[in-house]
N, C-alpha and C. Protein backbone atom coordinates (compact mmCIF):
# COMPACT_ATOMS: atom_id res chain seq x y z
N MET A 1 121.97 87.41 100.18
CA MET A 1 121.11 87.75 98.98
C MET A 1 119.72 87.63 99.45
N VAL A 2 118.78 88.40 99.13
CA VAL A 2 117.30 88.24 99.46
C VAL A 2 116.64 88.13 97.96
N ILE A 3 115.76 87.16 97.86
CA ILE A 3 115.12 86.93 96.65
C ILE A 3 113.60 86.79 97.03
N ASN A 4 112.72 87.02 96.04
CA ASN A 4 111.24 86.79 96.29
C ASN A 4 110.81 85.79 95.18
N ALA A 5 110.24 84.61 95.62
CA ALA A 5 109.85 83.63 94.66
C ALA A 5 108.31 83.54 94.55
N LEU A 6 107.79 83.58 93.41
CA LEU A 6 106.47 83.51 93.20
C LEU A 6 106.07 82.16 92.45
N ALA A 7 105.02 81.40 93.03
CA ALA A 7 104.73 80.19 92.35
C ALA A 7 103.61 80.29 91.33
N GLN A 8 102.65 81.21 91.57
CA GLN A 8 101.57 81.45 90.65
C GLN A 8 101.19 82.86 90.37
N ASN A 9 100.62 83.14 89.18
CA ASN A 9 100.16 84.51 88.97
C ASN A 9 98.64 84.54 89.19
N ASN A 10 97.96 85.49 88.84
CA ASN A 10 96.55 85.77 89.12
C ASN A 10 95.73 84.63 88.41
N SER A 11 96.34 83.92 87.41
CA SER A 11 95.61 82.89 86.70
C SER A 11 95.92 81.56 87.24
N SER A 12 96.78 81.44 88.36
CA SER A 12 97.07 80.20 88.90
C SER A 12 98.08 79.37 88.12
N VAL A 13 98.87 80.09 87.28
CA VAL A 13 99.80 79.30 86.67
C VAL A 13 101.11 79.86 86.93
N THR A 14 102.25 79.29 86.52
CA THR A 14 103.70 79.74 86.85
C THR A 14 103.77 81.13 86.18
N PRO A 15 104.23 82.15 86.96
CA PRO A 15 104.32 83.59 86.35
C PRO A 15 105.28 83.63 85.27
N THR A 16 105.02 84.50 84.34
CA THR A 16 105.93 84.81 83.23
C THR A 16 106.88 85.95 83.60
N GLN A 17 107.84 86.15 82.81
CA GLN A 17 108.72 87.21 83.15
C GLN A 17 108.01 88.62 83.30
N GLU A 18 107.08 88.87 82.53
CA GLU A 18 106.24 90.00 82.58
C GLU A 18 105.64 90.05 83.96
N ASP A 19 104.92 88.90 84.35
CA ASP A 19 104.35 88.80 85.79
C ASP A 19 105.35 89.21 86.80
N LEU A 20 106.45 88.70 86.68
CA LEU A 20 107.50 88.89 87.74
C LEU A 20 107.87 90.31 87.75
N MET A 21 108.08 90.92 86.66
CA MET A 21 108.46 92.30 86.56
C MET A 21 107.41 93.24 87.18
N GLY A 22 106.19 92.84 86.81
CA GLY A 22 105.03 93.67 87.32
C GLY A 22 104.97 93.58 88.84
N TRP A 23 105.18 92.38 89.31
CA TRP A 23 105.09 92.24 90.86
C TRP A 23 106.21 93.03 91.50
N ALA A 24 107.38 92.94 90.92
CA ALA A 24 108.52 93.77 91.62
C ALA A 24 108.21 95.34 91.51
N GLU A 25 107.73 95.71 90.32
CA GLU A 25 107.50 97.09 90.17
C GLU A 25 106.36 97.51 91.05
N GLY A 26 105.20 96.72 91.01
CA GLY A 26 104.05 97.06 91.88
C GLY A 26 104.37 96.98 93.41
N HIS A 27 105.34 96.29 93.87
CA HIS A 27 105.59 96.36 95.27
C HIS A 27 106.81 97.08 95.63
N GLY A 28 107.42 97.72 94.61
CA GLY A 28 108.59 98.56 94.85
C GLY A 28 109.82 97.75 95.24
N LEU A 29 109.90 96.64 94.71
CA LEU A 29 111.01 95.60 95.15
C LEU A 29 112.34 95.83 94.23
N ASP A 30 113.38 95.90 94.84
CA ASP A 30 114.67 96.02 94.22
C ASP A 30 115.41 94.83 94.23
N ILE A 31 114.89 93.62 94.62
CA ILE A 31 115.54 92.37 94.70
C ILE A 31 115.06 91.48 93.64
N PRO A 32 115.73 90.45 93.31
CA PRO A 32 115.29 89.47 92.29
C PRO A 32 114.04 88.88 92.61
N VAL A 33 113.16 88.66 91.57
CA VAL A 33 111.85 87.95 91.78
C VAL A 33 111.90 86.81 90.77
N LEU A 34 111.80 85.66 91.36
CA LEU A 34 111.90 84.40 90.48
C LEU A 34 110.65 83.65 90.44
N ALA A 35 110.44 82.86 89.35
CA ALA A 35 109.34 82.02 89.27
C ALA A 35 109.55 80.74 89.95
N ASP A 36 108.73 80.31 90.77
CA ASP A 36 108.88 79.00 91.56
C ASP A 36 107.82 77.96 91.06
N GLU A 37 108.21 77.33 89.91
CA GLU A 37 107.35 76.42 89.17
C GLU A 37 107.01 75.26 90.06
N ASN A 38 105.75 74.92 90.23
CA ASN A 38 105.15 73.86 90.94
C ASN A 38 105.60 73.96 92.42
N TRP A 39 105.86 75.12 92.91
CA TRP A 39 106.20 75.41 94.28
C TRP A 39 107.41 74.57 94.76
N GLU A 40 108.32 74.27 93.86
CA GLU A 40 109.56 73.42 94.13
C GLU A 40 110.39 74.05 95.21
N LEU A 41 110.65 75.41 95.21
CA LEU A 41 111.59 76.08 96.03
C LEU A 41 110.77 76.19 97.35
N GLU A 42 109.60 76.58 97.35
CA GLU A 42 108.74 76.76 98.58
C GLU A 42 108.74 75.51 99.37
N SER A 43 108.51 74.40 98.64
CA SER A 43 108.28 73.07 99.32
C SER A 43 109.58 72.67 100.12
N ARG A 44 110.58 72.98 99.73
CA ARG A 44 111.92 72.66 100.43
C ARG A 44 111.98 73.28 101.78
N PHE A 45 111.41 74.43 101.97
CA PHE A 45 111.63 75.14 103.18
C PHE A 45 110.44 75.50 104.06
N ALA A 46 109.17 75.45 103.38
CA ALA A 46 107.95 75.75 104.19
C ALA A 46 107.74 74.74 105.27
N GLN A 47 107.24 75.11 106.36
CA GLN A 47 106.94 74.22 107.42
C GLN A 47 105.46 74.22 107.69
N ASP A 48 104.71 75.26 107.34
CA ASP A 48 103.24 75.27 107.73
C ASP A 48 102.39 75.60 106.57
N SER A 49 102.90 75.54 105.34
CA SER A 49 102.12 75.78 104.10
C SER A 49 101.45 77.22 103.99
N GLY A 50 101.93 78.04 104.85
CA GLY A 50 101.48 79.41 104.78
C GLY A 50 102.25 80.17 103.80
N ILE A 51 101.66 81.26 103.20
CA ILE A 51 102.40 82.16 102.22
C ILE A 51 102.23 83.53 102.78
N PRO A 52 103.26 84.35 102.71
CA PRO A 52 104.51 83.97 102.20
C PRO A 52 105.28 83.28 103.28
N SER A 53 106.43 82.68 102.82
CA SER A 53 107.31 81.97 103.67
C SER A 53 108.62 82.68 103.61
N TRP A 54 109.34 82.90 104.69
CA TRP A 54 110.63 83.57 104.82
C TRP A 54 111.65 82.49 105.04
N THR A 55 112.75 82.43 104.23
CA THR A 55 113.84 81.56 104.46
C THR A 55 115.10 82.42 104.46
N LEU A 56 115.85 82.27 105.49
CA LEU A 56 117.21 83.09 105.48
C LEU A 56 118.39 82.21 105.23
N LEU A 57 119.13 82.49 104.22
CA LEU A 57 120.33 81.85 103.83
C LEU A 57 121.47 82.68 104.19
N GLY A 58 122.51 82.08 104.83
CA GLY A 58 123.71 82.89 105.20
C GLY A 58 124.83 82.67 104.31
N PRO A 59 125.98 83.01 104.58
CA PRO A 59 127.09 82.73 103.68
C PRO A 59 127.25 81.24 103.34
N GLY A 60 127.69 81.09 102.10
CA GLY A 60 127.71 79.68 101.66
C GLY A 60 126.44 78.97 101.53
N ALA A 61 125.30 79.70 101.45
CA ALA A 61 124.00 79.27 101.34
C ALA A 61 123.49 78.36 102.51
N GLU A 62 124.12 78.59 103.63
CA GLU A 62 123.64 77.87 104.78
C GLU A 62 122.27 78.32 105.25
N VAL A 63 121.39 77.35 105.45
CA VAL A 63 120.07 77.71 105.91
C VAL A 63 120.03 78.02 107.33
N LEU A 64 119.78 79.46 107.54
CA LEU A 64 119.75 79.84 108.91
C LEU A 64 118.39 79.95 109.61
N ALA A 65 117.31 80.04 108.88
CA ALA A 65 115.94 80.08 109.23
C ALA A 65 115.00 79.72 108.27
N THR A 66 114.05 78.94 108.57
CA THR A 66 113.04 78.57 107.61
C THR A 66 111.65 78.89 108.18
N ASP A 67 110.77 79.32 107.24
CA ASP A 67 109.36 79.74 107.61
C ASP A 67 109.40 80.59 108.83
N ASP A 68 110.18 81.55 108.89
CA ASP A 68 110.28 82.42 110.13
C ASP A 68 110.12 83.93 109.79
N TRP A 69 109.02 84.45 110.22
CA TRP A 69 108.70 85.91 109.92
C TRP A 69 109.74 86.85 110.55
N GLY A 70 110.50 86.27 111.51
CA GLY A 70 111.58 87.02 112.18
C GLY A 70 112.85 87.04 111.49
N ALA A 71 112.95 86.27 110.38
CA ALA A 71 114.20 86.13 109.61
C ALA A 71 114.68 87.43 109.05
N GLU A 72 113.86 88.35 108.73
CA GLU A 72 114.26 89.70 108.17
C GLU A 72 115.06 90.38 109.23
N GLY A 73 114.69 90.30 110.44
CA GLY A 73 115.53 90.96 111.59
C GLY A 73 116.79 90.33 111.75
N MET A 74 117.01 89.13 111.27
CA MET A 74 118.24 88.32 111.50
C MET A 74 119.26 88.62 110.48
N ILE A 75 118.88 89.42 109.40
CA ILE A 75 119.86 89.56 108.32
C ILE A 75 121.14 90.26 108.73
N PRO A 76 121.04 91.32 109.55
CA PRO A 76 122.33 91.90 109.86
C PRO A 76 123.39 90.99 110.50
N ASP A 77 122.90 90.12 111.36
CA ASP A 77 123.88 89.14 112.04
C ASP A 77 124.25 87.99 111.11
N ALA A 78 123.46 87.80 110.03
CA ALA A 78 123.84 86.71 109.16
C ALA A 78 124.93 87.14 108.08
N LEU A 79 125.02 88.42 107.98
CA LEU A 79 126.16 89.01 106.99
C LEU A 79 127.56 88.60 107.34
N PRO A 80 128.44 88.47 106.53
CA PRO A 80 129.79 88.20 106.69
C PRO A 80 130.39 89.36 107.56
N ALA A 81 131.50 89.13 108.30
CA ALA A 81 132.03 90.23 109.08
C ALA A 81 132.54 91.32 108.19
N VAL A 82 133.00 91.09 106.94
CA VAL A 82 133.32 92.08 106.06
C VAL A 82 132.22 92.05 104.85
N TYR A 83 131.40 93.10 104.87
CA TYR A 83 130.41 93.05 103.84
C TYR A 83 130.38 94.40 103.13
N PRO A 84 130.33 94.50 101.75
CA PRO A 84 130.36 93.26 100.92
C PRO A 84 131.69 92.63 100.88
N PRO A 85 131.77 91.29 100.68
CA PRO A 85 133.00 90.49 100.76
C PRO A 85 133.97 91.18 99.60
N GLN A 86 135.18 91.11 99.97
CA GLN A 86 136.17 91.75 99.02
C GLN A 86 136.99 90.61 98.40
């Protein structure tokens, strides 16, 4: 699963549901966009404090890559042998 997490909106506060929907629509995203209050999710995985940060989770939520721009290219290899799982 791929998600996008936003910690702040244009007013530097936790984004509202409306903000999240606007971000997804504005960027043509068809993945879940979640609010990351106080950077709690980001702070678990970011290594260099840069944004955006890519974290790749594999089956069972195993962390396969953190703060890695190449993680997007790793997605096919991270999928289960039978996808979608049956």
